[in-house]
N, C-alpha and C. Protein backbone atom coordinates (compact mmCIF):
# COMPACT_ATOMS: atom_id res chain seq x y z
N MET A 1 0.86 -1.18 0.01
CA MET A 1 -0.01 0.00 0.00
C MET A 1 0.90 1.23 0.00
N LEU A 2 0.55 2.18 -0.82
CA LEU A 2 1.32 3.41 -0.92
C LEU A 2 0.46 4.57 -0.45
N TRP A 3 1.04 5.34 0.49
CA TRP A 3 0.36 6.52 0.98
C TRP A 3 1.21 7.73 0.65
N ASP A 4 0.57 8.79 0.27
CA ASP A 4 1.27 10.00 -0.07
C ASP A 4 0.39 11.20 0.23
N ARG A 5 1.02 12.33 0.35
CA ARG A 5 0.28 13.60 0.53
C ARG A 5 0.70 14.53 -0.58
N GLY A 6 -0.27 15.26 -1.12
CA GLY A 6 0.04 16.21 -2.18
C GLY A 6 -1.21 16.57 -2.95
N THR A 7 -0.96 17.06 -4.17
CA THR A 7 -2.07 17.46 -5.03
C THR A 7 -1.85 16.85 -6.40
N TRP A 8 -2.90 16.90 -7.19
CA TRP A 8 -2.84 16.46 -8.58
C TRP A 8 -3.52 17.47 -9.46
N GLU A 9 -3.15 17.55 -10.71
CA GLU A 9 -3.79 18.44 -11.62
C GLU A 9 -3.92 17.78 -12.98
N PRO A 10 -5.10 17.84 -13.60
CA PRO A 10 -5.29 17.21 -14.92
C PRO A 10 -4.53 17.98 -15.97
N GLU A 11 -4.08 17.28 -17.02
CA GLU A 11 -3.43 17.91 -18.16
C GLU A 11 -4.44 17.99 -19.32
N GLY A 12 -5.48 18.76 -19.08
CA GLY A 12 -6.57 18.90 -20.07
C GLY A 12 -7.90 18.80 -19.35
N ASP A 13 -8.96 18.52 -20.10
CA ASP A 13 -10.31 18.38 -19.57
C ASP A 13 -10.48 16.99 -18.98
N PRO A 14 -10.58 16.83 -17.64
CA PRO A 14 -10.63 15.50 -17.04
C PRO A 14 -11.89 14.72 -17.43
N ASP A 15 -13.02 15.38 -17.58
CA ASP A 15 -14.23 14.66 -18.00
C ASP A 15 -14.09 14.05 -19.38
N ARG A 16 -13.55 14.82 -20.30
CA ARG A 16 -13.35 14.35 -21.67
C ARG A 16 -12.32 13.21 -21.69
N MET A 17 -11.24 13.35 -20.93
CA MET A 17 -10.19 12.31 -20.93
C MET A 17 -10.72 11.02 -20.30
N LEU A 18 -11.52 11.11 -19.23
CA LEU A 18 -12.07 9.89 -18.62
C LEU A 18 -13.02 9.19 -19.54
N ALA A 19 -13.85 9.95 -20.26
CA ALA A 19 -14.77 9.35 -21.20
C ALA A 19 -14.01 8.63 -22.33
N LYS A 20 -12.87 9.18 -22.72
CA LYS A 20 -12.06 8.60 -23.77
C LYS A 20 -11.26 7.39 -23.24
N GLY A 21 -11.02 7.37 -21.89
CA GLY A 21 -10.23 6.28 -21.28
C GLY A 21 -8.76 6.55 -21.28
N ASP A 22 -8.39 7.84 -21.22
CA ASP A 22 -6.97 8.21 -21.28
C ASP A 22 -6.81 9.49 -20.44
N LEU A 23 -6.66 9.35 -19.13
CA LEU A 23 -6.59 10.51 -18.21
C LEU A 23 -5.12 10.83 -17.93
N LYS A 24 -4.65 11.99 -18.42
CA LYS A 24 -3.31 12.42 -18.20
C LYS A 24 -3.32 13.46 -17.05
N PHE A 25 -2.40 13.32 -16.11
CA PHE A 25 -2.36 14.22 -14.96
C PHE A 25 -0.97 14.32 -14.38
N SER A 26 -0.75 15.33 -13.57
CA SER A 26 0.52 15.51 -12.85
C SER A 26 0.28 15.34 -11.37
N LEU A 27 1.20 14.69 -10.69
CA LEU A 27 1.17 14.52 -9.25
C LEU A 27 2.25 15.41 -8.63
N HIS A 28 1.89 16.04 -7.52
CA HIS A 28 2.81 16.90 -6.75
C HIS A 28 2.77 16.42 -5.33
N GLY A 29 3.33 15.26 -5.07
CA GLY A 29 3.31 14.65 -3.77
C GLY A 29 4.66 14.61 -3.10
N GLU A 30 4.71 14.09 -1.86
CA GLU A 30 5.95 13.88 -1.18
C GLU A 30 6.75 12.72 -1.78
N LYS A 31 6.05 11.69 -2.24
CA LYS A 31 6.67 10.49 -2.80
C LYS A 31 6.51 10.40 -4.31
N LEU A 32 5.33 10.68 -4.78
CA LEU A 32 5.02 10.56 -6.22
C LEU A 32 4.97 11.95 -6.84
N ARG A 33 5.79 12.12 -7.91
CA ARG A 33 5.82 13.41 -8.63
C ARG A 33 5.87 13.14 -10.12
N GLY A 34 5.48 14.12 -10.88
CA GLY A 34 5.61 14.05 -12.31
C GLY A 34 4.34 13.75 -13.05
N SER A 35 4.52 13.44 -14.32
CA SER A 35 3.40 13.22 -15.23
C SER A 35 3.04 11.74 -15.28
N TRP A 36 1.74 11.45 -15.22
CA TRP A 36 1.21 10.10 -15.21
C TRP A 36 0.02 10.03 -16.19
N VAL A 37 -0.38 8.79 -16.53
CA VAL A 37 -1.55 8.59 -17.34
C VAL A 37 -2.28 7.33 -16.86
N LEU A 38 -3.59 7.43 -16.77
CA LEU A 38 -4.45 6.26 -16.50
C LEU A 38 -5.07 5.88 -17.82
N VAL A 39 -4.87 4.64 -18.25
CA VAL A 39 -5.39 4.18 -19.55
C VAL A 39 -6.34 3.01 -19.30
N ARG A 40 -7.58 3.16 -19.82
CA ARG A 40 -8.57 2.07 -19.70
C ARG A 40 -8.18 0.94 -20.66
N MET A 41 -8.15 -0.27 -20.13
CA MET A 41 -7.83 -1.44 -20.96
C MET A 41 -9.09 -1.81 -21.76
N ARG A 42 -8.90 -2.16 -23.01
CA ARG A 42 -10.02 -2.55 -23.88
C ARG A 42 -10.50 -3.96 -23.59
N HIS A 43 -9.57 -4.87 -23.35
CA HIS A 43 -9.94 -6.27 -23.15
C HIS A 43 -9.33 -6.77 -21.82
N ASP A 44 -10.08 -7.61 -21.15
CA ASP A 44 -9.52 -8.29 -19.98
C ASP A 44 -9.57 -9.81 -20.21
N LYS A 45 -9.21 -10.57 -19.21
CA LYS A 45 -9.11 -12.01 -19.41
C LYS A 45 -10.47 -12.69 -19.64
N PHE A 46 -11.58 -11.95 -19.47
CA PHE A 46 -12.89 -12.54 -19.68
C PHE A 46 -13.53 -12.15 -20.99
N GLY A 47 -12.76 -11.59 -21.91
CA GLY A 47 -13.25 -11.37 -23.25
C GLY A 47 -13.65 -9.94 -23.62
N GLY A 48 -13.29 -8.97 -22.83
CA GLY A 48 -13.57 -7.60 -23.22
C GLY A 48 -14.76 -6.99 -22.51
N ARG A 49 -14.97 -5.74 -22.78
CA ARG A 49 -16.04 -5.00 -22.06
C ARG A 49 -17.44 -5.54 -22.36
N SER A 50 -17.67 -6.05 -23.53
CA SER A 50 -19.01 -6.49 -23.88
C SER A 50 -19.47 -7.70 -23.08
N LYS A 51 -18.50 -8.54 -22.64
CA LYS A 51 -18.85 -9.75 -21.89
C LYS A 51 -18.55 -9.60 -20.40
N SER A 52 -17.83 -8.58 -20.01
CA SER A 52 -17.40 -8.45 -18.65
C SER A 52 -17.80 -7.10 -18.09
N LYS A 53 -18.13 -7.06 -16.82
CA LYS A 53 -18.46 -5.82 -16.15
C LYS A 53 -17.23 -5.17 -15.53
N ARG A 54 -16.08 -5.83 -15.69
CA ARG A 54 -14.84 -5.30 -15.12
C ARG A 54 -14.40 -4.09 -15.94
N ASN A 55 -13.80 -3.12 -15.26
CA ASN A 55 -13.30 -1.93 -15.92
C ASN A 55 -11.86 -1.74 -15.44
N ASN A 56 -10.92 -2.32 -16.14
CA ASN A 56 -9.51 -2.28 -15.72
C ASN A 56 -8.77 -1.10 -16.28
N TRP A 57 -7.90 -0.53 -15.49
CA TRP A 57 -7.10 0.64 -15.86
C TRP A 57 -5.64 0.34 -15.58
N LEU A 58 -4.73 0.91 -16.42
CA LEU A 58 -3.29 0.86 -16.22
C LEU A 58 -2.83 2.23 -15.78
N LEU A 59 -1.93 2.27 -14.79
CA LEU A 59 -1.31 3.53 -14.36
C LEU A 59 0.11 3.51 -14.87
N ILE A 60 0.46 4.50 -15.73
CA ILE A 60 1.75 4.54 -16.37
C ILE A 60 2.45 5.85 -16.03
N LYS A 61 3.69 5.76 -15.65
CA LYS A 61 4.51 6.95 -15.32
C LYS A 61 5.20 7.40 -16.61
N HIS A 62 5.07 8.66 -16.97
CA HIS A 62 5.78 9.21 -18.12
C HIS A 62 7.25 9.40 -17.74
N THR A 63 8.12 9.19 -18.69
CA THR A 63 9.54 9.37 -18.45
C THR A 63 9.85 10.86 -18.30
N THR A 64 10.66 11.18 -17.29
CA THR A 64 11.03 12.55 -17.03
C THR A 64 12.45 12.83 -17.51
N ASN A 65 12.83 14.08 -17.59
CA ASN A 65 14.20 14.43 -17.99
C ASN A 65 15.21 13.89 -16.97
N PHE A 66 14.86 13.85 -15.70
CA PHE A 66 15.74 13.30 -14.68
C PHE A 66 15.99 11.81 -14.95
N GLN A 67 14.95 11.07 -15.27
CA GLN A 67 15.10 9.64 -15.57
C GLN A 67 15.96 9.43 -16.80
N LYS A 68 15.78 10.26 -17.83
CA LYS A 68 16.57 10.12 -19.05
C LYS A 68 18.04 10.38 -18.75
N THR A 69 18.33 11.40 -17.95
CA THR A 69 19.71 11.73 -17.59
C THR A 69 20.34 10.58 -16.79
N ALA A 70 19.60 10.04 -15.83
CA ALA A 70 20.12 8.96 -15.01
C ALA A 70 20.41 7.72 -15.87
N MET A 71 19.52 7.40 -16.80
CA MET A 71 19.73 6.24 -17.66
C MET A 71 20.96 6.45 -18.58
N ALA A 72 21.14 7.67 -19.05
CA ALA A 72 22.29 7.97 -19.90
C ALA A 72 23.58 7.81 -19.12
N MET A 73 23.56 8.19 -17.85
CA MET A 73 24.76 8.07 -17.01
C MET A 73 25.11 6.61 -16.73
N LEU A 74 24.10 5.76 -16.65
CA LEU A 74 24.30 4.34 -16.38
C LEU A 74 24.73 3.56 -17.62
N SER A 75 24.49 4.13 -18.80
CA SER A 75 24.84 3.42 -20.05
C SER A 75 26.32 3.44 -20.31
């Protein structure tokens, strides 16, 4: 379990992005920072949305300049 304190801000119209299944936002927390995206999965292991009532989402961290610099230093 991850607990954090901070704020978040959408990177666009949150209602429109949620309806599309692609919510981009920034986190400004003590532990989690940077740009993230929540992406609705089209299919799950039970055959997709038409056959399943499950609504699965993926949380993906966008690569930051700091991460790119660190990876270049390790290469």
